[in-house]
C-alpha atoms as a PDB file:
ATOM      1  CA  MET A   1      -0.171   0.014  -0.064  1.00  0.00           C
ATOM      2  CA  CYS A   2       2.993   2.506  -0.340  1.00  0.00           C
ATOM      3  CA  PHE A   3       1.916   3.288  -3.493  1.00  0.00           C
ATOM      4  CA  VAL A   4      -1.580   4.226  -2.381  1.00  0.00           C
ATOM      5  CA  PRO A   5      -1.489   8.169  -0.986  1.00  0.00           C
ATOM      6  CA  THR A   6      -3.973   9.997   0.765  1.00  0.00           C
ATOM      7  CA  ALA A   7      -4.553  13.724   1.661  1.00  0.00           C
ATOM      8  CA  LYS A   8      -2.861  12.988   5.043  1.00  0.00           C
ATOM      9  CA  VAL A   9      -0.440  10.198   4.071  1.00  0.00           C
ATOM     10  CA  PRO A  10       2.084  10.776   0.858  1.00  0.00           C
ATOM     11  CA  VAL A  11       3.190   8.562  -1.471  1.00  0.00           C
ATOM     12  CA  LYS A  12       6.310   6.778   0.221  1.00  0.00           C
ATOM     13  CA  TYR A  13       8.349   5.363  -2.754  1.00  0.00           C
ATOM     14  CA  ALA A  14      11.278   2.990  -2.148  1.00  0.00           C
ATOM     15  CA  ALA A  15      14.196   5.080  -1.540  1.00  0.00           C
ATOM     16  CA  GLY A  16      16.969   4.639  -3.940  1.00  0.00           C
ATOM     17  CA  LEU A  17      15.519   1.729  -5.811  1.00  0.00           C
ATOM     18  CA  PRO A  18      14.974   3.058  -9.668  1.00  0.00           C
ATOM     19  CA  TYR A  19      11.751   0.800 -10.199  1.00  0.00           C
ATOM     20  CA  GLY A  20       8.597  -1.053  -8.396  1.00  0.00           C
ATOM     21  CA  ALA A  21       5.579  -2.826  -9.703  1.00  0.00           C
ATOM     22  CA  MET A  22       1.838  -2.997  -8.731  1.00  0.00           C
ATOM     23  CA  LEU A  23       0.205  -6.458  -9.720  1.00  0.00           C
ATOM     24  CA  GLY A  24      -3.559  -6.219 -10.176  1.00  0.00           C
ATOM     25  CA  TYR A  25      -5.437  -9.126 -10.220  1.00  0.00           C
ATOM     26  CA  VAL A  26      -8.836  -8.573 -11.948  1.00  0.00           C
ATOM     27  CA  LEU A  27     -11.324 -10.608 -10.182  1.00  0.00           C
ATOM     28  CA  ASP A  28     -14.440  -9.782 -12.635  1.00  0.00           C
ATOM     29  CA  GLY A  29     -11.797 -10.691 -15.831  1.00  0.00           C
ATOM     30  CA  ASN A  30     -12.761  -7.149 -17.226  1.00  0.00           C
ATOM     31  CA  VAL A  31      -9.151  -6.133 -17.842  1.00  0.00           C
ATOM     32  CA  ARG A  32     -10.288  -3.268 -20.077  1.00  0.00           C
ATOM     33  CA  ARG A  33     -12.225  -1.605 -17.504  1.00  0.00           C
ATOM     34  CA  ALA A  34      -9.754  -2.344 -14.647  1.00  0.00           C
ATOM     35  CA  HIS A  35      -7.343  -0.363 -17.170  1.00  0.00           C
ATOM     36  CA  SER A  36      -9.389   2.704 -17.589  1.00  0.00           C
ATOM     37  CA  ALA A  37     -10.056   2.737 -13.917  1.00  0.00           C
ATOM     38  CA  VAL A  38      -6.340   2.755 -13.098  1.00  0.00           C
ATOM     39  CA  CYS A  39      -5.806   5.356 -15.968  1.00  0.00           C
ATOM     40  CA  LYS A  40      -8.307   7.741 -14.606  1.00  0.00           C
ATOM     41  CA  ALA A  41      -7.117   7.255 -10.775  1.00  0.00           C
ATOM     42  CA  ILE A  42      -3.595   8.019 -11.635  1.00  0.00           C
ATOM     43  CA  LYS A  43      -4.908  11.150 -13.655  1.00  0.00           C
ATOM     44  CA  ALA A  44      -6.894  12.041 -10.983  1.00  0.00           C
ATOM     45  CA  LYS A  45      -4.153  12.005  -8.198  1.00  0.00           C
ATOM     46  CA  ARG A  46      -1.240  12.832 -10.224  1.00  0.00           C
ATOM     47  CA  ALA A  47       0.150  15.388  -7.969  1.00  0.00           C
ATOM     48  CA  LEU A  48       0.027  13.168  -5.053  1.00  0.00           C
ATOM     49  CA  LEU A  49       1.524  10.429  -7.155  1.00  0.00           C
ATOM     50  CA  LEU A  50       4.266  12.736  -7.773  1.00  0.00           C
ATOM     51  CA  LEU A  51       3.771  11.961 -11.913  1.00  0.00           C
ATOM     52  CA  SER A  52       6.557  13.223 -13.793  1.00  0.00           C
ATOM     53  CA  ALA A  53       5.700  15.801 -16.460  1.00  0.00           C
ATOM     54  CA  ASP A  54       5.799  12.918 -19.096  1.00  0.00           C
ATOM     55  CA  GLY A  55       4.849   9.962 -16.541  1.00  0.00           C
ATOM     56  CA  GLU A  56       1.496   9.072 -17.558  1.00  0.00           C
ATOM     57  CA  PHE A  57       0.586   5.532 -17.900  1.00  0.00           C
ATOM     58  CA  CYS A  58       2.287   4.358 -21.065  1.00  0.00           C
ATOM     59  CA  SER A  59       1.209   0.835 -22.423  1.00  0.00           C
ATOM     60  CA  LEU A  60       3.808  -1.848 -22.434  1.00  0.00           C
ATOM     61  CA  ARG A  61       3.604  -4.750 -24.868  1.00  0.00           C
ATOM     62  CA  LEU A  62       4.827  -7.736 -22.511  1.00  0.00           C
ATOM     63  CA  ALA A  63       3.670 -11.277 -21.901  1.00  0.00           C
ATOM     64  CA  ASN A  64       2.204 -12.195 -24.909  1.00  0.00           C
ATOM     65  CA  SER A  65       1.435  -8.774 -25.741  1.00  0.00           C
ATOM     66  CA  HIS A  66      -0.858  -8.188 -23.025  1.00  0.00           C
ATOM     67  CA  GLU A  67      -2.283  -4.833 -24.062  1.00  0.00           C
ATOM     68  CA  PHE A  68      -3.196  -3.590 -20.528  1.00  0.00           C
ATOM     69  CA  HIS A  69       0.445  -3.773 -18.847  1.00  0.00           C
ATOM     70  CA  GLY A  70       2.203  -0.347 -18.599  1.00  0.00           C
ATOM     71  CA  MET A  71       4.587   2.209 -17.028  1.00  0.00           C
ATOM     72  CA  THR A  72       4.451   5.178 -14.709  1.00  0.00           C
ATOM     73  CA  LYS A  73       7.158   7.448 -14.257  1.00  0.00           C
ATOM     74  CA  HIS A  74       7.313   9.295 -10.543  1.00  0.00           C
ATOM     75  CA  GLN A  75       9.843  12.179  -9.578  1.00  0.00           C
ATOM     76  CA  ARG A  76      11.253  11.353  -6.040  1.00  0.00           C
ATOM     77  CA  PRO A  77      13.635  13.928  -4.473  1.00  0.00           C
ATOM     78  CA  ASP A  78      16.675  11.459  -5.241  1.00  0.00           C
ATOM     79  CA  GLY A  79      15.427  10.730  -8.825  1.00  0.00           C
ATOM     80  CA  GLU A  80      12.916   9.101 -11.101  1.00  0.00           C
ATOM     81  CA  PHE A  81      10.754   6.161  -9.985  1.00  0.00           C
ATOM     82  CA  LEU A  82       9.467   3.760 -12.361  1.00  0.00           C
ATOM     83  CA  ILE A  83       6.250   1.750 -11.878  1.00  0.00           C
ATOM     84  CA  TYR A  84       5.768  -1.413 -13.954  1.00  0.00           C
ATOM     85  CA  HIS A  85       1.585  -2.081 -13.793  1.00  0.00           C
ATOM     86  CA  LEU A  86       0.305  -5.372 -14.608  1.00  0.00           C
ATOM     87  CA  LEU A  87      -2.824  -6.134 -14.555  1.00  0.00           C
ATOM     88  CA  LEU A  88      -4.282  -9.905 -15.046  1.00  0.00           C
ATOM     89  CA  PRO A  89      -7.516 -11.532 -14.934  1.00  0.00           C
ATOM     90  CA  VAL A  90      -8.931 -13.777 -12.599  1.00  0.00           C
ATOM     91  CA  ARG A  91     -10.606 -16.758 -13.974  1.00  0.00           C
ATOM     92  CA  TRP A  92     -13.291 -18.927 -12.298  1.00  0.00           C
ATOM     93  CA  ASN A  93     -14.062 -22.474 -13.362  1.00  0.00           C
END
């Protein structure tokens, strides 16, 4: 939860580490909707997340060209911090 800021508790990115990752399990399997919600939340909390000027969600083609994986860039006092976002559907049988 260190990547989830609130008005009272600012985001605390790992000092000295250049990268982090967020793994999201999409329980209803609707990854497209989850991706849209994540992008909207990132934009809405841009200042709290310390997003870099060019840091908005950028799609990455990883793991079988999954179109909803992405990366954001954040500016810490000690330098840039990249977060890789991976959204995975949960399939119920």
